[in-house]
Structures are given as C-alpha cells and as structure tokens.
Amino acid sequence: MTAPHRPIRSYVLRQGRVSNAQRRAHDTLLPRYGVPYAQAPLDFDRLFGRRAQRVLEIGSGMGETTVHIAASHPETDFLAIEVHTPGVGSLLKQIEERGLKLGHGVWDVIFCLR
C-alpha cells in the first residue's frame, strides 16, 4: 500500500524575518489591494474598473520590479501573485506609496491556472 501524495504546490514557504512596516502593510493593505481566491474565473473588468491589457506576475518577490513596470505602464492592469509574507507586505506598501492600481493575490499559482 502506498502513502497518499501531498498536494502539489508551486512554492516552498520560507520563514523569514518580517519587518514591522511589512507586517503593518500586509495587515492593513491586503484587504484593500488583495484579490480573494475563488475557483471561478476573475472578472478583470470589474476588478480593475476598466477593460485593458493584463499581465499576471507569478512570484513578485519584494515587488520592486513589479512596481517599476506597473508605474511605467499605467494603461495595463497587473495582477501579482506572491505567498512570502515579507514580499507581500513590501509590494503592498509600494503600491500604496505610489498610488498604483495593481491587484495582489496570495495564492498558490497551481490553483490559479487550472
């Protein structure tokens, strides 16, 4: 008899240090910019309030590149996916500081692409 397989995950959650600013941004800004996971397809027109070209970034890290590209292309809607808490907090803080329209999902991308 074989043991049941663990679910496939696209990441390994690393435990790292979360700064106070990252924790505060994660806790206060995720409700505003976060996109809750749902098994149904997202309505991007409703999510972003417009019809535009879209970019999905998988693994946005600490968010510096995501924010730079999103700021350089305001005509494009960006949805970033990241699961590492310090990175999520960092990206959310930058979105808020720069006033960007950028959605963020804290999901395993395996579920998003099904």
C-alpha atoms as a PDB file:
ATOM      1  CA  MET A   1       0.000   0.000   0.000  1.00  0.00           C
ATOM      2  CA  THR A   2       1.349   3.419  -0.910  1.00  0.00           C
ATOM      3  CA  ALA A   3       1.019   6.537   1.192  1.00  0.00           C
ATOM      4  CA  PRO A   4      -1.225   9.294  -0.178  1.00  0.00           C
ATOM      5  CA  HIS A   5       0.571  12.031  -2.059  1.00  0.00           C
ATOM      6  CA  ARG A   6       0.801  15.511  -0.670  1.00  0.00           C
ATOM      7  CA  PRO A   7      -0.896  18.160  -2.800  1.00  0.00           C
ATOM      8  CA  ILE A   8       1.300  19.723  -5.470  1.00  0.00           C
ATOM      9  CA  ARG A   9       2.484  23.199  -4.561  1.00  0.00           C
ATOM     10  CA  SER A  10       4.372  25.637  -6.745  1.00  0.00           C
ATOM     11  CA  TYR A  11       6.418  27.015  -3.855  1.00  0.00           C
ATOM     12  CA  VAL A  12       8.086  26.270  -0.575  1.00  0.00           C
ATOM     13  CA  LEU A  13       7.085  28.808   2.057  1.00  0.00           C
ATOM     14  CA  ARG A  14      10.272  30.142   3.606  1.00  0.00           C
ATOM     15  CA  GLN A  15      10.115  31.547   7.084  1.00  0.00           C
ATOM     16  CA  GLY A  16      11.930  34.850   7.049  1.00  0.00           C
ATOM     17  CA  ARG A  17      12.008  37.984   9.079  1.00  0.00           C
ATOM     18  CA  VAL A  18       9.054  40.298   8.549  1.00  0.00           C
ATOM     19  CA  SER A  19       9.747  43.939   9.368  1.00  0.00           C
ATOM     20  CA  ASN A  20       7.192  45.991  11.294  1.00  0.00           C
ATOM     21  CA  ALA A  21       6.459  48.019   8.140  1.00  0.00           C
ATOM     22  CA  GLN A  22       5.937  44.857   6.070  1.00  0.00           C
ATOM     23  CA  ARG A  23       3.632  43.357   8.724  1.00  0.00           C
ATOM     24  CA  ARG A  24       1.639  46.594   9.013  1.00  0.00           C
ATOM     25  CA  ALA A  25       1.305  46.858   5.218  1.00  0.00           C
ATOM     26  CA  HIS A  26       0.304  43.190   4.965  1.00  0.00           C
ATOM     27  CA  ASP A  27      -2.319  43.532   7.694  1.00  0.00           C
ATOM     28  CA  THR A  28      -3.789  46.900   6.658  1.00  0.00           C
ATOM     29  CA  LEU A  29      -3.390  46.969   2.864  1.00  0.00           C
ATOM     30  CA  LEU A  30      -4.158  43.377   1.854  1.00  0.00           C
ATOM     31  CA  PRO A  31      -7.891  43.949   2.473  1.00  0.00           C
ATOM     32  CA  ARG A  32      -7.734  46.916   0.042  1.00  0.00           C
ATOM     33  CA  TYR A  33      -5.481  45.563  -2.715  1.00  0.00           C
ATOM     34  CA  GLY A  34      -5.782  41.828  -2.195  1.00  0.00           C
ATOM     35  CA  VAL A  35      -7.810  39.720  -4.584  1.00  0.00           C
ATOM     36  CA  PRO A  36      -9.505  36.832  -2.772  1.00  0.00           C
ATOM     37  CA  TYR A  37      -9.008  33.440  -4.347  1.00  0.00           C
ATOM     38  CA  ALA A  38     -12.091  31.907  -5.944  1.00  0.00           C
ATOM     39  CA  GLN A  39     -12.471  28.838  -8.136  1.00  0.00           C
ATOM     40  CA  ALA A  40     -14.438  30.886 -10.667  1.00  0.00           C
ATOM     41  CA  PRO A  41     -12.618  32.993 -13.265  1.00  0.00           C
ATOM     42  CA  LEU A  42     -11.902  36.562 -12.181  1.00  0.00           C
ATOM     43  CA  ASP A  43     -13.890  39.405 -13.708  1.00  0.00           C
ATOM     44  CA  PHE A  44     -10.916  41.621 -14.509  1.00  0.00           C
ATOM     45  CA  ASP A  45     -13.070  44.419 -15.928  1.00  0.00           C
ATOM     46  CA  ARG A  46     -14.875  44.683 -12.586  1.00  0.00           C
ATOM     47  CA  LEU A  47     -11.703  44.154 -10.537  1.00  0.00           C
ATOM     48  CA  PHE A  48      -9.817  46.986 -12.221  1.00  0.00           C
ATOM     49  CA  GLY A  49     -12.808  49.096 -13.227  1.00  0.00           C
ATOM     50  CA  ARG A  50     -11.852  49.108 -16.900  1.00  0.00           C
ATOM     51  CA  ARG A  51     -11.038  46.961 -19.901  1.00  0.00           C
ATOM     52  CA  ALA A  52      -7.275  46.832 -20.557  1.00  0.00           C
ATOM     53  CA  GLN A  53      -4.375  44.566 -21.412  1.00  0.00           C
ATOM     54  CA  ARG A  54      -3.446  42.401 -18.414  1.00  0.00           C
ATOM     55  CA  VAL A  55      -0.242  40.997 -17.006  1.00  0.00           C
ATOM     56  CA  LEU A  56      -0.040  38.172 -14.470  1.00  0.00           C
ATOM     57  CA  GLU A  57       3.184  38.146 -12.491  1.00  0.00           C
ATOM     58  CA  ILE A  58       3.890  34.896 -10.704  1.00  0.00           C
ATOM     59  CA  GLY A  59       6.280  35.309  -7.791  1.00  0.00           C
ATOM     60  CA  SER A  60       6.608  39.080  -7.435  1.00  0.00           C
ATOM     61  CA  GLY A  61       9.256  38.782  -4.722  1.00  0.00           C
ATOM     62  CA  MET A  62       9.726  42.031  -2.789  1.00  0.00           C
ATOM     63  CA  GLY A  63       7.850  43.909  -5.519  1.00  0.00           C
ATOM     64  CA  GLU A  64      10.450  46.390  -6.771  1.00  0.00           C
ATOM     65  CA  THR A  65      10.330  45.209 -10.384  1.00  0.00           C
ATOM     66  CA  THR A  66       6.554  44.768 -10.355  1.00  0.00           C
ATOM     67  CA  VAL A  67       6.024  48.313  -9.104  1.00  0.00           C
ATOM     68  CA  HIS A  68       8.508  49.775 -11.582  1.00  0.00           C
ATOM     69  CA  ILE A  69       6.877  48.032 -14.555  1.00  0.00           C
ATOM     70  CA  ALA A  70       3.319  48.828 -13.388  1.00  0.00           C
ATOM     71  CA  ALA A  71       4.223  52.509 -12.899  1.00  0.00           C
ATOM     72  CA  SER A  72       5.786  52.589 -16.382  1.00  0.00           C
ATOM     73  CA  HIS A  73       2.665  51.057 -17.976  1.00  0.00           C
ATOM     74  CA  PRO A  74      -0.431  52.628 -16.393  1.00  0.00           C
ATOM     75  CA  GLU A  75      -2.513  51.541 -19.385  1.00  0.00           C
ATOM     76  CA  THR A  76      -2.000  47.896 -18.364  1.00  0.00           C
ATOM     77  CA  ASP A  77      -3.611  46.036 -15.438  1.00  0.00           C
ATOM     78  CA  PHE A  78      -1.235  43.970 -13.303  1.00  0.00           C
ATOM     79  CA  LEU A  79      -2.072  41.091 -11.005  1.00  0.00           C
ATOM     80  CA  ALA A  80       0.866  39.920  -8.885  1.00  0.00           C
ATOM     81  CA  ILE A  81       0.895  36.599  -7.057  1.00  0.00           C
ATOM     82  CA  GLU A  82       3.202  36.056  -4.085  1.00  0.00           C
ATOM     83  CA  VAL A  83       2.951  33.931  -0.946  1.00  0.00           C
ATOM     84  CA  HIS A  84       6.001  35.041   1.064  1.00  0.00           C
ATOM     85  CA  THR A  85       4.742  37.453   3.768  1.00  0.00           C
ATOM     86  CA  PRO A  86       7.688  39.905   3.664  1.00  0.00           C
ATOM     87  CA  GLY A  87       7.325  40.185  -0.123  1.00  0.00           C
ATOM     88  CA  VAL A  88       3.566  40.657   0.073  1.00  0.00           C
ATOM     89  CA  GLY A  89       3.968  43.401   2.670  1.00  0.00           C
ATOM     90  CA  SER A  90       6.725  45.118   0.723  1.00  0.00           C
ATOM     91  CA  LEU A  91       4.749  45.119  -2.525  1.00  0.00           C
ATOM     92  CA  LEU A  92       1.567  46.362  -0.849  1.00  0.00           C
ATOM     93  CA  LYS A  93       3.475  49.209   0.823  1.00  0.00           C
ATOM     94  CA  GLN A  94       4.935  50.262  -2.536  1.00  0.00           C
ATOM     95  CA  ILE A  95       1.540  50.077  -4.267  1.00  0.00           C
ATOM     96  CA  GLU A  96       0.082  52.369  -1.615  1.00  0.00           C
ATOM     97  CA  GLU A  97       3.001  54.839  -1.665  1.00  0.00           C
ATOM     98  CA  ARG A  98       2.905  55.187  -5.456  1.00  0.00           C
ATOM     99  CA  GLY A  99      -0.860  55.149  -5.816  1.00  0.00           C
ATOM    100  CA  LEU A 100      -0.843  52.261  -8.293  1.00  0.00           C
ATOM    101  CA  LYS A 101      -3.833  50.270  -9.463  1.00  0.00           C
ATOM    102  CA  LEU A 102      -2.388  46.805  -9.013  1.00  0.00           C
ATOM    103  CA  GLY A 103      -4.145  43.709  -7.712  1.00  0.00           C
ATOM    104  CA  HIS A 104      -2.379  41.215  -5.489  1.00  0.00           C
ATOM    105  CA  GLY A 105      -3.176  37.584  -4.819  1.00  0.00           C
ATOM    106  CA  VAL A 106      -1.703  35.485  -2.043  1.00  0.00           C
ATOM    107  CA  TRP A 107      -2.364  32.161  -3.706  1.00  0.00           C
ATOM    108  CA  ASP A 108      -0.586  29.104  -4.961  1.00  0.00           C
ATOM    109  CA  VAL A 109      -0.396  29.619  -8.714  1.00  0.00           C
ATOM    110  CA  ILE A 110      -1.255  25.936  -9.276  1.00  0.00           C
ATOM    111  CA  PHE A 111      -4.859  26.784  -8.341  1.00  0.00           C
ATOM    112  CA  CYS A 112      -4.935  29.957 -10.448  1.00  0.00           C
ATOM    113  CA  LEU A 113      -4.012  28.293 -13.701  1.00  0.00           C
ATOM    114  CA  ARG A 114      -6.424  25.384 -13.553  1.00  0.00           C
END
